[in-house]
Amino acid sequence: MRVVMLGAPGSGKGTQAKQLVQTYGVTQLSTGDLLRAAVKAGSPIGQRAKAAMDAGKLVSDDIVLGLIEERLDGPQGLRDFILDGFPRNLAQAEALGALLDRLHLPLQAAILIDVSAEELKRRIAGRRTCRDCGAIYNVYTAPSKRDGVCDVCGGETYQRSDDNEATVAQRLATYQAETAPLIDYYRSRGLLHTVAGEQPVEAIFAALRGIVDALD
């Protein structure tokens, strides 16, 4: 399974990717996890990443692609993976495709979790996070048993500053401008599969399994 997960912030693609990992035993390649592991290991590319982060700069695409290549290349490299959060734009998608072709590991599918803009705003604005353990709730779809109190540890739940409606609208606008074009990009290559994201979580995952099980 070599899959890219697509979807706007709040679509639930990260949650579904984790379920795919648990069910199929594949590796989820998160750029954040790759960066942290490379920095901790002190590899050459990890040192480049650390230098950029210490300087307050964004980590460049070539560093991220290098981190992905480290995990995939060689006899011990991964052959099955899920990418969530990368690529974020067309340039990254082109570079990723070239890398995977060179490694003879072409993508098998790009799966879009499709959710309307209004539902996305509601989901993100309703999100609450525990200050102590980090557990996440949603006042509309998955509230804690007691308002403002975490079910797991009893800590206080709060709305993060970047989960307010104004910030959510900006995040969705950025997604539409930069990441949404990937939908047509992968559709034109015959790789796109779309799953309706406004149905029960179990139904979404069943649809995902149907797509994954049909991959060559």
N, C-alpha and C. Protein backbone atom coordinates (compact mmCIF):
# COMPACT_ATOMS: atom_id res chain seq x y z
N MET A 1 0.84 -1.19 0.00
CA MET A 1 0.00 0.00 0.00
C MET A 1 0.88 1.24 0.00
N ARG A 2 0.76 2.04 -1.04
CA ARG A 2 1.49 3.31 -1.11
C ARG A 2 0.47 4.40 -1.43
N VAL A 3 0.08 5.13 -0.39
CA VAL A 3 -1.09 5.99 -0.47
C VAL A 3 -0.79 7.38 0.07
N VAL A 4 -1.36 8.39 -0.58
CA VAL A 4 -1.38 9.75 -0.05
C VAL A 4 -2.80 10.05 0.43
N MET A 5 -2.92 10.57 1.64
CA MET A 5 -4.22 10.97 2.17
C MET A 5 -4.42 12.46 1.91
N LEU A 6 -5.57 12.80 1.35
CA LEU A 6 -5.91 14.18 1.06
C LEU A 6 -7.16 14.58 1.84
N GLY A 7 -7.26 15.87 2.16
CA GLY A 7 -8.44 16.37 2.85
C GLY A 7 -8.10 17.66 3.58
N ALA A 8 -9.09 18.49 3.73
CA ALA A 8 -8.90 19.78 4.40
C ALA A 8 -8.70 19.58 5.90
N PRO A 9 -8.17 20.61 6.59
CA PRO A 9 -8.09 20.53 8.05
C PRO A 9 -9.47 20.24 8.64
N GLY A 10 -9.55 19.25 9.51
CA GLY A 10 -10.82 18.89 10.11
C GLY A 10 -11.57 17.80 9.37
N SER A 11 -11.01 17.31 8.27
CA SER A 11 -11.71 16.29 7.48
C SER A 11 -11.66 14.91 8.13
N GLY A 12 -10.71 14.71 9.04
CA GLY A 12 -10.58 13.42 9.70
C GLY A 12 -9.60 12.48 9.03
N LYS A 13 -8.84 12.98 8.07
CA LYS A 13 -7.92 12.10 7.34
C LYS A 13 -6.83 11.54 8.25
N GLY A 14 -6.37 12.33 9.21
CA GLY A 14 -5.35 11.84 10.13
C GLY A 14 -5.85 10.68 10.97
N THR A 15 -7.08 10.79 11.46
CA THR A 15 -7.70 9.72 12.24
C THR A 15 -7.83 8.46 11.42
N GLN A 16 -8.30 8.62 10.18
CA GLN A 16 -8.48 7.45 9.32
C GLN A 16 -7.14 6.83 8.95
N ALA A 17 -6.12 7.66 8.74
CA ALA A 17 -4.80 7.13 8.43
C ALA A 17 -4.28 6.26 9.57
N LYS A 18 -4.51 6.70 10.81
CA LYS A 18 -4.07 5.91 11.96
C LYS A 18 -4.79 4.57 12.01
N GLN A 19 -6.07 4.54 11.65
CA GLN A 19 -6.80 3.28 11.63
C GLN A 19 -6.27 2.35 10.55
N LEU A 20 -5.90 2.91 9.40
CA LEU A 20 -5.30 2.10 8.34
C LEU A 20 -3.98 1.49 8.82
N VAL A 21 -3.20 2.29 9.53
CA VAL A 21 -1.93 1.80 10.07
C VAL A 21 -2.17 0.61 11.00
N GLN A 22 -3.13 0.76 11.90
CA GLN A 22 -3.42 -0.31 12.86
C GLN A 22 -3.94 -1.57 12.18
N THR A 23 -4.74 -1.38 11.13
CA THR A 23 -5.38 -2.52 10.48
C THR A 23 -4.43 -3.26 9.54
N TYR A 24 -3.61 -2.50 8.80
CA TYR A 24 -2.78 -3.11 7.77
C TYR A 24 -1.30 -3.22 8.15
N GLY A 25 -0.92 -2.63 9.27
CA GLY A 25 0.46 -2.73 9.71
C GLY A 25 1.45 -1.96 8.85
N VAL A 26 0.96 -0.94 8.15
CA VAL A 26 1.85 -0.11 7.32
C VAL A 26 2.37 1.05 8.17
N THR A 27 3.30 1.80 7.61
CA THR A 27 3.90 2.94 8.32
C THR A 27 3.29 4.25 7.82
N GLN A 28 2.91 5.10 8.76
CA GLN A 28 2.43 6.43 8.41
C GLN A 28 3.62 7.38 8.41
N LEU A 29 3.90 7.96 7.27
CA LEU A 29 5.01 8.90 7.15
C LEU A 29 4.50 10.32 7.40
N SER A 30 4.78 10.82 8.57
CA SER A 30 4.44 12.19 8.94
C SER A 30 5.70 13.03 8.89
N THR A 31 5.65 14.16 8.22
CA THR A 31 6.86 14.99 8.10
C THR A 31 7.36 15.42 9.48
N GLY A 32 6.44 15.70 10.39
CA GLY A 32 6.85 16.09 11.74
C GLY A 32 7.61 14.98 12.44
N ASP A 33 7.09 13.74 12.34
CA ASP A 33 7.76 12.60 12.97
C ASP A 33 9.12 12.36 12.33
N LEU A 34 9.18 12.47 10.99
CA LEU A 34 10.45 12.25 10.29
C LEU A 34 11.49 13.28 10.72
N LEU A 35 11.06 14.53 10.85
CA LEU A 35 11.98 15.59 11.26
C LEU A 35 12.51 15.34 12.66
N ARG A 36 11.61 15.01 13.59
CA ARG A 36 12.03 14.78 14.97
C ARG A 36 12.99 13.60 15.07
N ALA A 37 12.72 12.52 14.33
CA ALA A 37 13.58 11.34 14.37
C ALA A 37 14.95 11.65 13.79
N ALA A 38 14.99 12.40 12.67
CA ALA A 38 16.28 12.70 12.03
C ALA A 38 17.12 13.63 12.90
N VAL A 39 16.47 14.60 13.52
CA VAL A 39 17.20 15.52 14.41
C VAL A 39 17.76 14.74 15.61
N LYS A 40 16.93 13.87 16.17
CA LYS A 40 17.38 13.08 17.33
C LYS A 40 18.54 12.16 16.95
N ALA A 41 18.47 11.57 15.74
CA ALA A 41 19.52 10.66 15.29
C ALA A 41 20.80 11.39 14.90
N GLY A 42 20.68 12.69 14.62
CA GLY A 42 21.85 13.47 14.24
C GLY A 42 22.39 13.13 12.87
N SER A 43 21.54 12.60 11.99
CA SER A 43 21.98 12.28 10.62
C SER A 43 22.31 13.57 9.88
N PRO A 44 23.06 13.48 8.78
CA PRO A 44 23.41 14.71 8.04
C PRO A 44 22.19 15.53 7.67
N ILE A 45 21.15 14.87 7.18
CA ILE A 45 19.97 15.64 6.79
C ILE A 45 19.22 16.12 8.03
N GLY A 46 19.32 15.37 9.12
CA GLY A 46 18.73 15.82 10.38
C GLY A 46 19.42 17.07 10.90
N GLN A 47 20.73 17.15 10.71
CA GLN A 47 21.48 18.35 11.11
C GLN A 47 21.06 19.56 10.28
N ARG A 48 20.83 19.34 8.98
CA ARG A 48 20.36 20.44 8.12
C ARG A 48 18.97 20.91 8.57
N ALA A 49 18.12 19.96 8.92
CA ALA A 49 16.78 20.31 9.39
C ALA A 49 16.85 21.08 10.70
N LYS A 50 17.69 20.62 11.61
CA LYS A 50 17.83 21.30 12.91
C LYS A 50 18.35 22.72 12.73
N ALA A 51 19.30 22.90 11.81
CA ALA A 51 19.84 24.24 11.57
C ALA A 51 18.76 25.18 11.07
N ALA A 52 17.90 24.68 10.19
CA ALA A 52 16.81 25.51 9.67
C ALA A 52 15.82 25.85 10.78
N MET A 53 15.44 24.86 11.58
CA MET A 53 14.47 25.10 12.65
C MET A 53 15.04 26.02 13.72
N ASP A 54 16.32 25.84 14.06
CA ASP A 54 16.95 26.70 15.07
C ASP A 54 17.01 28.14 14.60
N ALA A 55 17.08 28.33 13.28
CA ALA A 55 17.12 29.68 12.72
C ALA A 55 15.72 30.26 12.51
N GLY A 56 14.70 29.47 12.90
CA GLY A 56 13.33 29.94 12.75
C GLY A 56 12.82 29.90 11.33
N LYS A 57 13.45 29.09 10.48
CA LYS A 57 13.06 29.01 9.08
C LYS A 57 12.21 27.76 8.83
N LEU A 58 11.42 27.79 7.75
CA LEU A 58 10.70 26.61 7.34
C LEU A 58 11.69 25.59 6.78
N VAL A 59 11.45 24.34 7.05
CA VAL A 59 12.30 23.29 6.50
C VAL A 59 11.98 23.15 5.02
N SER A 60 13.00 23.21 4.18
CA SER A 60 12.79 23.22 2.73
C SER A 60 12.27 21.89 2.22
N ASP A 61 11.65 21.94 1.02
CA ASP A 61 11.11 20.73 0.41
C ASP A 61 12.19 19.68 0.18
N ASP A 62 13.38 20.11 -0.19
CA ASP A 62 14.42 19.12 -0.49
C ASP A 62 14.84 18.36 0.77
N ILE A 63 14.78 19.03 1.93
CA ILE A 63 15.08 18.34 3.17
C ILE A 63 13.99 17.32 3.49
N VAL A 64 12.73 17.73 3.34
CA VAL A 64 11.62 16.80 3.61
C VAL A 64 11.69 15.60 2.67
N LEU A 65 11.95 15.86 1.40
CA LEU A 65 12.06 14.75 0.44
C LEU A 65 13.25 13.85 0.78
N GLY A 66 14.32 14.46 1.26
CA GLY A 66 15.47 13.67 1.69
C GLY A 66 15.13 12.76 2.87
N LEU A 67 14.33 13.27 3.79
CA LEU A 67 13.90 12.47 4.94
C LEU A 67 13.04 11.29 4.48
N ILE A 68 12.14 11.56 3.54
CA ILE A 68 11.30 10.48 3.00
C ILE A 68 12.17 9.44 2.30
N GLU A 69 13.14 9.92 1.51
CA GLU A 69 14.01 9.00 0.80
C GLU A 69 14.80 8.12 1.77
N GLU A 70 15.24 8.69 2.89
CA GLU A 70 15.97 7.90 3.89
C GLU A 70 15.15 6.70 4.38
N ARG A 71 13.84 6.91 4.53
CA ARG A 71 12.98 5.84 5.03
C ARG A 71 12.66 4.80 3.97
N LEU A 72 12.73 5.19 2.69
CA LEU A 72 12.28 4.30 1.62
C LEU A 72 13.42 3.60 0.88
N ASP A 73 14.60 4.20 0.87
CA ASP A 73 15.67 3.71 0.02
C ASP A 73 16.42 2.54 0.67
N GLY A 74 16.99 1.68 -0.16
CA GLY A 74 17.82 0.59 0.33
C GLY A 74 17.03 -0.67 0.63
N PRO A 75 17.74 -1.78 0.87
CA PRO A 75 17.09 -3.07 1.11
C PRO A 75 16.21 -3.10 2.36
N GLN A 76 16.52 -2.25 3.34
CA GLN A 76 15.72 -2.20 4.57
C GLN A 76 14.65 -1.10 4.52
N GLY A 77 14.51 -0.45 3.37
CA GLY A 77 13.56 0.64 3.25
C GLY A 77 12.12 0.16 3.23
N LEU A 78 11.22 1.07 3.55
CA LEU A 78 9.79 0.75 3.54
C LEU A 78 9.31 0.50 2.12
N ARG A 79 8.36 -0.42 1.99
CA ARG A 79 7.72 -0.65 0.70
C ARG A 79 6.23 -0.32 0.76
N ASP A 80 5.70 -0.18 1.95
CA ASP A 80 4.29 0.18 2.14
C ASP A 80 4.22 1.34 3.12
N PHE A 81 3.45 2.37 2.74
CA PHE A 81 3.39 3.56 3.57
C PHE A 81 2.16 4.40 3.25
N ILE A 82 1.81 5.23 4.21
CA ILE A 82 0.75 6.23 4.04
C ILE A 82 1.36 7.59 4.29
N LEU A 83 1.19 8.50 3.36
CA LEU A 83 1.65 9.88 3.52
C LEU A 83 0.47 10.75 3.92
N ASP A 84 0.58 11.44 5.03
CA ASP A 84 -0.47 12.33 5.52
C ASP A 84 0.17 13.68 5.85
N GLY A 85 -0.22 14.72 5.13
CA GLY A 85 0.34 16.05 5.38
C GLY A 85 1.42 16.43 4.38
N PHE A 86 1.75 15.54 3.48
CA PHE A 86 2.71 15.81 2.41
C PHE A 86 2.34 14.91 1.25
N PRO A 87 2.26 15.46 0.04
CA PRO A 87 2.57 16.84 -0.36
C PRO A 87 1.43 17.82 -0.02
N ARG A 88 1.81 19.10 0.08
CA ARG A 88 0.84 20.16 0.37
C ARG A 88 0.57 21.06 -0.83
N ASN A 89 1.35 20.93 -1.89
CA ASN A 89 1.14 21.75 -3.07
C ASN A 89 1.63 21.00 -4.30
N LEU A 90 1.40 21.58 -5.47
CA LEU A 90 1.72 20.90 -6.72
C LEU A 90 3.22 20.65 -6.90
N ALA A 91 4.04 21.63 -6.50
CA ALA A 91 5.49 21.46 -6.63
C ALA A 91 5.97 20.27 -5.80
N GLN A 92 5.45 20.14 -4.59
CA GLN A 92 5.83 19.01 -3.74
C GLN A 92 5.34 17.70 -4.33
N ALA A 93 4.14 17.71 -4.93
CA ALA A 93 3.60 16.49 -5.53
C ALA A 93 4.46 16.04 -6.70
N GLU A 94 4.90 16.98 -7.53
CA GLU A 94 5.76 16.64 -8.66
C GLU A 94 7.09 16.06 -8.17
N ALA A 95 7.68 16.71 -7.16
CA ALA A 95 8.97 16.23 -6.64
C ALA A 95 8.82 14.87 -5.98
N LEU A 96 7.73 14.66 -5.24
CA LEU A 96 7.49 13.37 -4.61
C LEU A 96 7.33 12.28 -5.67
N GLY A 97 6.56 12.58 -6.72
CA GLY A 97 6.35 11.60 -7.78
C GLY A 97 7.66 11.20 -8.44
N ALA A 98 8.53 12.18 -8.69
CA ALA A 98 9.83 11.89 -9.30
C ALA A 98 10.67 11.01 -8.38
N LEU A 99 10.66 11.31 -7.06
CA LEU A 99 11.42 10.51 -6.10
C LEU A 99 10.91 9.07 -6.07
N LEU A 100 9.59 8.89 -5.99
CA LEU A 100 9.03 7.55 -5.89
C LEU A 100 9.25 6.75 -7.17
N ASP A 101 9.19 7.41 -8.31
CA ASP A 101 9.47 6.72 -9.57
C ASP A 101 10.93 6.25 -9.60
N ARG A 102 11.82 7.11 -9.12
CA ARG A 102 13.25 6.74 -9.12
C ARG A 102 13.52 5.55 -8.21
N LEU A 103 12.75 5.45 -7.13
CA LEU A 103 12.90 4.34 -6.19
C LEU A 103 12.06 3.13 -6.59
N HIS A 104 11.35 3.24 -7.71
CA HIS A 104 10.46 2.17 -8.20
C HIS A 104 9.38 1.84 -7.17
N LEU A 105 8.86 2.92 -6.54
CA LEU A 105 7.79 2.79 -5.56
C LEU A 105 6.67 3.79 -5.88
N PRO A 106 6.08 3.69 -7.06
CA PRO A 106 5.06 4.69 -7.44
C PRO A 106 3.84 4.62 -6.54
N LEU A 107 3.18 5.77 -6.35
CA LEU A 107 1.95 5.80 -5.58
C LEU A 107 0.90 4.90 -6.22
N GLN A 108 0.10 4.27 -5.37
CA GLN A 108 -1.01 3.45 -5.86
C GLN A 108 -2.34 4.19 -5.78
N ALA A 109 -2.43 5.16 -4.87
CA ALA A 109 -3.70 5.87 -4.72
C ALA A 109 -3.51 7.17 -3.95
N ALA A 110 -4.37 8.12 -4.26
CA ALA A 110 -4.52 9.33 -3.46
C ALA A 110 -5.98 9.34 -3.01
N ILE A 111 -6.20 9.29 -1.70
CA ILE A 111 -7.56 9.14 -1.17
C ILE A 111 -8.00 10.45 -0.52
N LEU A 112 -9.09 11.01 -1.04
CA LEU A 112 -9.64 12.27 -0.53
C LEU A 112 -10.79 12.00 0.42
N ILE A 113 -10.69 12.52 1.63
CA ILE A 113 -11.83 12.53 2.56
C ILE A 113 -12.56 13.85 2.33
N ASP A 114 -13.71 13.78 1.69
CA ASP A 114 -14.41 14.97 1.21
C ASP A 114 -15.46 15.46 2.21
N VAL A 115 -15.28 16.68 2.70
CA VAL A 115 -16.19 17.27 3.69
C VAL A 115 -16.48 18.71 3.26
N SER A 116 -17.71 19.14 3.39
CA SER A 116 -18.09 20.49 2.98
C SER A 116 -17.42 21.54 3.86
N ALA A 117 -17.29 22.75 3.31
CA ALA A 117 -16.63 23.84 4.04
C ALA A 117 -17.37 24.18 5.33
N GLU A 118 -18.70 24.19 5.28
CA GLU A 118 -19.47 24.54 6.47
C GLU A 118 -19.27 23.51 7.58
N GLU A 119 -19.24 22.23 7.21
CA GLU A 119 -19.02 21.19 8.20
C GLU A 119 -17.61 21.25 8.77
N LEU A 120 -16.63 21.59 7.92
CA LEU A 120 -15.25 21.72 8.39
C LEU A 120 -15.15 22.83 9.43
N LYS A 121 -15.78 23.97 9.16
CA LYS A 121 -15.74 25.08 10.11
C LYS A 121 -16.35 24.66 11.44
N ARG A 122 -17.48 23.96 11.38
CA ARG A 122 -18.16 23.53 12.60
C ARG A 122 -17.27 22.57 13.39
N ARG A 123 -16.65 21.63 12.69
CA ARG A 123 -15.82 20.64 13.38
C ARG A 123 -14.62 21.29 14.06
N ILE A 124 -13.92 22.17 13.33
CA ILE A 124 -12.70 22.75 13.89
C ILE A 124 -13.03 23.72 15.01
N ALA A 125 -14.07 24.54 14.81
CA ALA A 125 -14.44 25.51 15.84
C ALA A 125 -14.97 24.81 17.09
N GLY A 126 -15.45 23.57 16.94
CA GLY A 126 -15.98 22.84 18.09
C GLY A 126 -14.94 22.01 18.81
N ARG A 127 -13.70 22.03 18.33
CA ARG A 127 -12.67 21.18 18.91
C ARG A 127 -12.22 21.72 20.27
N ARG A 128 -12.02 20.82 21.23
CA ARG A 128 -11.52 21.16 22.55
C ARG A 128 -10.38 20.21 22.90
N THR A 129 -9.35 20.73 23.56
CA THR A 129 -8.15 19.96 23.88
C THR A 129 -7.89 20.01 25.37
N CYS A 130 -7.49 18.87 25.95
CA CYS A 130 -7.15 18.85 27.37
C CYS A 130 -5.79 19.50 27.59
N ARG A 131 -5.73 20.41 28.55
CA ARG A 131 -4.47 21.10 28.85
C ARG A 131 -3.42 20.14 29.43
N ASP A 132 -3.87 19.06 30.08
CA ASP A 132 -2.94 18.19 30.79
C ASP A 132 -2.45 17.01 29.95
N CYS A 133 -3.38 16.28 29.31
CA CYS A 133 -2.98 15.06 28.60
C CYS A 133 -3.08 15.17 27.08
N GLY A 134 -3.69 16.26 26.59
CA GLY A 134 -3.77 16.47 25.16
C GLY A 134 -4.92 15.76 24.46
N ALA A 135 -5.79 15.08 25.21
CA ALA A 135 -6.94 14.42 24.59
C ALA A 135 -7.80 15.44 23.86
N ILE A 136 -8.39 15.02 22.75
CA ILE A 136 -9.15 15.94 21.91
C ILE A 136 -10.62 15.55 21.90
N TYR A 137 -11.50 16.54 22.04
CA TYR A 137 -12.94 16.35 22.00
C TYR A 137 -13.54 17.32 21.00
N ASN A 138 -14.84 17.16 20.75
CA ASN A 138 -15.56 18.12 19.92
C ASN A 138 -16.94 18.33 20.52
N VAL A 139 -17.29 19.59 20.77
CA VAL A 139 -18.55 19.88 21.44
C VAL A 139 -19.76 19.45 20.61
N TYR A 140 -19.58 19.29 19.29
CA TYR A 140 -20.68 18.89 18.42
C TYR A 140 -20.72 17.39 18.16
N THR A 141 -19.56 16.79 17.94
CA THR A 141 -19.54 15.40 17.49
C THR A 141 -19.00 14.40 18.52
N ALA A 142 -18.14 14.85 19.43
CA ALA A 142 -17.57 13.93 20.42
C ALA A 142 -17.25 14.69 21.69
N PRO A 143 -18.28 15.17 22.41
CA PRO A 143 -18.03 15.97 23.62
C PRO A 143 -17.54 15.12 24.78
N SER A 144 -16.86 15.79 25.72
CA SER A 144 -16.50 15.12 26.96
C SER A 144 -17.79 14.93 27.78
N LYS A 145 -17.75 14.00 28.73
CA LYS A 145 -18.95 13.71 29.51
C LYS A 145 -19.39 14.92 30.33
N ARG A 146 -18.41 15.65 30.85
CA ARG A 146 -18.70 16.88 31.58
C ARG A 146 -18.07 18.04 30.82
N ASP A 147 -18.85 19.06 30.59
CA ASP A 147 -18.38 20.20 29.81
C ASP A 147 -17.14 20.82 30.46
N GLY A 148 -16.05 20.93 29.68
CA GLY A 148 -14.84 21.56 30.17
C GLY A 148 -13.93 20.66 30.98
N VAL A 149 -14.30 19.36 31.11
CA VAL A 149 -13.50 18.43 31.92
C VAL A 149 -13.12 17.22 31.07
N CYS A 150 -11.86 16.87 31.07
CA CYS A 150 -11.36 15.74 30.29
C CYS A 150 -11.82 14.41 30.89
N ASP A 151 -12.34 13.51 30.04
CA ASP A 151 -12.76 12.19 30.50
C ASP A 151 -11.58 11.34 30.94
N VAL A 152 -10.41 11.58 30.35
CA VAL A 152 -9.24 10.72 30.57
C VAL A 152 -8.56 11.04 31.90
N CYS A 153 -8.27 12.33 32.13
CA CYS A 153 -7.46 12.67 33.31
C CYS A 153 -8.11 13.70 34.23
N GLY A 154 -9.27 14.21 33.84
CA GLY A 154 -9.94 15.20 34.67
C GLY A 154 -9.42 16.61 34.52
N GLY A 155 -8.50 16.80 33.56
CA GLY A 155 -7.95 18.14 33.32
C GLY A 155 -8.95 19.05 32.63
N GLU A 156 -8.58 20.31 32.53
CA GLU A 156 -9.44 21.30 31.88
C GLU A 156 -9.31 21.19 30.36
N THR A 157 -10.46 21.22 29.66
CA THR A 157 -10.43 21.27 28.20
C THR A 157 -10.64 22.72 27.76
N TYR A 158 -10.00 23.08 26.65
CA TYR A 158 -10.07 24.45 26.18
C TYR A 158 -10.04 24.49 24.66
N GLN A 159 -10.41 25.64 24.11
CA GLN A 159 -10.35 25.84 22.66
C GLN A 159 -9.02 26.50 22.33
N ARG A 160 -8.21 25.83 21.49
CA ARG A 160 -6.93 26.41 21.09
C ARG A 160 -7.15 27.69 20.31
N SER A 161 -6.18 28.58 20.40
CA SER A 161 -6.31 29.89 19.74
C SER A 161 -6.46 29.75 18.23
N ASP A 162 -5.88 28.69 17.65
CA ASP A 162 -5.98 28.53 16.20
C ASP A 162 -7.21 27.73 15.78
N ASP A 163 -8.13 27.47 16.73
CA ASP A 163 -9.37 26.78 16.40
C ASP A 163 -10.58 27.72 16.42
N ASN A 164 -10.35 29.04 16.46
CA ASN A 164 -11.48 29.96 16.41
C ASN A 164 -11.93 30.14 14.96
N GLU A 165 -13.13 30.69 14.76
CA GLU A 165 -13.72 30.73 13.43
C GLU A 165 -12.90 31.55 12.43
N ALA A 166 -12.32 32.66 12.89
CA ALA A 166 -11.55 33.50 11.97
C ALA A 166 -10.30 32.76 11.48
N THR A 167 -9.61 32.10 12.40
CA THR A 167 -8.41 31.36 12.03
C THR A 167 -8.76 30.17 11.16
N VAL A 168 -9.88 29.51 11.48
CA VAL A 168 -10.33 28.36 10.68
C VAL A 168 -10.59 28.79 9.25
N ALA A 169 -11.25 29.93 9.07
CA ALA A 169 -11.54 30.42 7.72
C ALA A 169 -10.26 30.66 6.94
N GLN A 170 -9.23 31.20 7.62
CA GLN A 170 -7.94 31.44 6.96
C GLN A 170 -7.26 30.13 6.59
N ARG A 171 -7.32 29.17 7.48
CA ARG A 171 -6.69 27.87 7.20
C ARG A 171 -7.36 27.19 6.01
N LEU A 172 -8.68 27.29 5.94
CA LEU A 172 -9.40 26.68 4.81
C LEU A 172 -9.11 27.41 3.50
N ALA A 173 -8.95 28.74 3.58
CA ALA A 173 -8.60 29.50 2.38
C ALA A 173 -7.23 29.10 1.87
N THR A 174 -6.29 28.91 2.79
CA THR A 174 -4.94 28.47 2.41
C THR A 174 -5.00 27.08 1.78
N TYR A 175 -5.81 26.21 2.37
CA TYR A 175 -5.96 24.86 1.81
C TYR A 175 -6.51 24.92 0.39
N GLN A 176 -7.54 25.73 0.18
CA GLN A 176 -8.14 25.84 -1.16
C GLN A 176 -7.15 26.36 -2.18
N ALA A 177 -6.32 27.30 -1.77
CA ALA A 177 -5.37 27.91 -2.71
C ALA A 177 -4.19 27.00 -3.01
N GLU A 178 -3.68 26.30 -1.99
CA GLU A 178 -2.42 25.57 -2.16
C GLU A 178 -2.58 24.06 -2.30
N THR A 179 -3.49 23.47 -1.52
CA THR A 179 -3.54 22.01 -1.46
C THR A 179 -4.67 21.41 -2.29
N ALA A 180 -5.81 22.08 -2.37
CA ALA A 180 -6.94 21.54 -3.14
C ALA A 180 -6.60 21.23 -4.59
N PRO A 181 -5.69 21.99 -5.25
CA PRO A 181 -5.33 21.62 -6.63
C PRO A 181 -4.75 20.22 -6.77
N LEU A 182 -4.29 19.62 -5.68
CA LEU A 182 -3.80 18.25 -5.74
C LEU A 182 -4.90 17.26 -6.12
N ILE A 183 -6.14 17.64 -5.85
CA ILE A 183 -7.26 16.75 -6.18
C ILE A 183 -7.30 16.51 -7.69
N ASP A 184 -7.28 17.59 -8.47
CA ASP A 184 -7.28 17.44 -9.93
C ASP A 184 -5.97 16.83 -10.42
N TYR A 185 -4.87 17.15 -9.75
CA TYR A 185 -3.56 16.61 -10.13
C TYR A 185 -3.58 15.08 -10.08
N TYR A 186 -4.07 14.53 -8.99
CA TYR A 186 -4.09 13.07 -8.87
C TYR A 186 -5.24 12.45 -9.67
N ARG A 187 -6.33 13.20 -9.84
CA ARG A 187 -7.41 12.68 -10.68
C ARG A 187 -6.93 12.50 -12.12
N SER A 188 -6.15 13.46 -12.61
CA SER A 188 -5.66 13.39 -13.99
C SER A 188 -4.71 12.22 -14.20
N ARG A 189 -4.15 11.70 -13.12
CA ARG A 189 -3.22 10.57 -13.20
C ARG A 189 -3.89 9.24 -12.87
N GLY A 190 -5.21 9.29 -12.71
CA GLY A 190 -5.96 8.08 -12.45
C GLY A 190 -5.76 7.49 -11.07
N LEU A 191 -5.30 8.32 -10.12
CA LEU A 191 -4.98 7.83 -8.78
C LEU A 191 -6.02 8.22 -7.73
N LEU A 192 -6.92 9.14 -8.05
CA LEU A 192 -7.80 9.71 -7.03
C LEU A 192 -8.98 8.81 -6.70
N HIS A 193 -9.20 8.64 -5.39
CA HIS A 193 -10.40 7.97 -4.87
C HIS A 193 -11.02 8.92 -3.85
N THR A 194 -12.33 9.08 -3.90
CA THR A 194 -13.00 10.02 -3.00
C THR A 194 -13.94 9.28 -2.07
N VAL A 195 -13.87 9.62 -0.78
CA VAL A 195 -14.75 9.04 0.23
C VAL A 195 -15.54 10.17 0.89
N ALA A 196 -16.84 10.04 0.97
CA ALA A 196 -17.68 11.04 1.63
C ALA A 196 -17.32 11.08 3.11
N GLY A 197 -16.94 12.26 3.60
CA GLY A 197 -16.45 12.38 4.96
C GLY A 197 -17.48 12.82 5.98
N GLU A 198 -18.75 12.93 5.58
CA GLU A 198 -19.79 13.37 6.51
C GLU A 198 -20.72 12.22 6.86
N GLN A 199 -20.15 11.05 6.97
CA GLN A 199 -20.88 9.86 7.41
C GLN A 199 -20.19 9.31 8.65
N PRO A 200 -20.78 8.33 9.31
CA PRO A 200 -20.14 7.81 10.52
C PRO A 200 -18.71 7.35 10.26
N VAL A 201 -17.86 7.49 11.29
CA VAL A 201 -16.45 7.13 11.17
C VAL A 201 -16.29 5.70 10.68
N GLU A 202 -17.14 4.80 11.16
CA GLU A 202 -17.05 3.40 10.77
C GLU A 202 -17.33 3.22 9.28
N ALA A 203 -18.29 3.99 8.75
CA ALA A 203 -18.64 3.89 7.34
C ALA A 203 -17.51 4.44 6.47
N ILE A 204 -16.87 5.52 6.94
CA ILE A 204 -15.73 6.08 6.20
C ILE A 204 -14.62 5.05 6.12
N PHE A 205 -14.34 4.41 7.25
CA PHE A 205 -13.24 3.44 7.26
C PHE A 205 -13.57 2.22 6.41
N ALA A 206 -14.83 1.81 6.39
CA ALA A 206 -15.23 0.68 5.54
C ALA A 206 -14.99 1.03 4.07
N ALA A 207 -15.29 2.26 3.69
CA ALA A 207 -15.05 2.69 2.31
C ALA A 207 -13.56 2.71 2.01
N LEU A 208 -12.76 3.17 2.97
CA LEU A 208 -11.30 3.17 2.79
C LEU A 208 -10.76 1.76 2.61
N ARG A 209 -11.26 0.84 3.40
CA ARG A 209 -10.80 -0.55 3.29
C ARG A 209 -11.14 -1.12 1.92
N GLY A 210 -12.30 -0.76 1.40
CA GLY A 210 -12.68 -1.23 0.08
C GLY A 210 -11.70 -0.75 -0.99
N ILE A 211 -11.25 0.52 -0.84
CA ILE A 211 -10.29 1.07 -1.80
C ILE A 211 -8.93 0.38 -1.67
N VAL A 212 -8.47 0.27 -0.42
CA VAL A 212 -7.15 -0.31 -0.17
C VAL A 212 -7.09 -1.78 -0.58
N ASP A 213 -8.13 -2.52 -0.28
CA ASP A 213 -8.14 -3.95 -0.59
C ASP A 213 -8.14 -4.21 -2.10
N ALA A 214 -8.58 -3.22 -2.88
CA ALA A 214 -8.61 -3.38 -4.33
C ALA A 214 -7.32 -2.95 -5.02
N LEU A 215 -6.36 -2.39 -4.26
CA LEU A 215 -5.12 -1.96 -4.85
C LEU A 215 -4.28 -3.16 -5.29
N ASP A 216 -3.53 -2.97 -6.36
CA ASP A 216 -2.67 -4.04 -6.85
C ASP A 216 -1.49 -4.23 -5.90
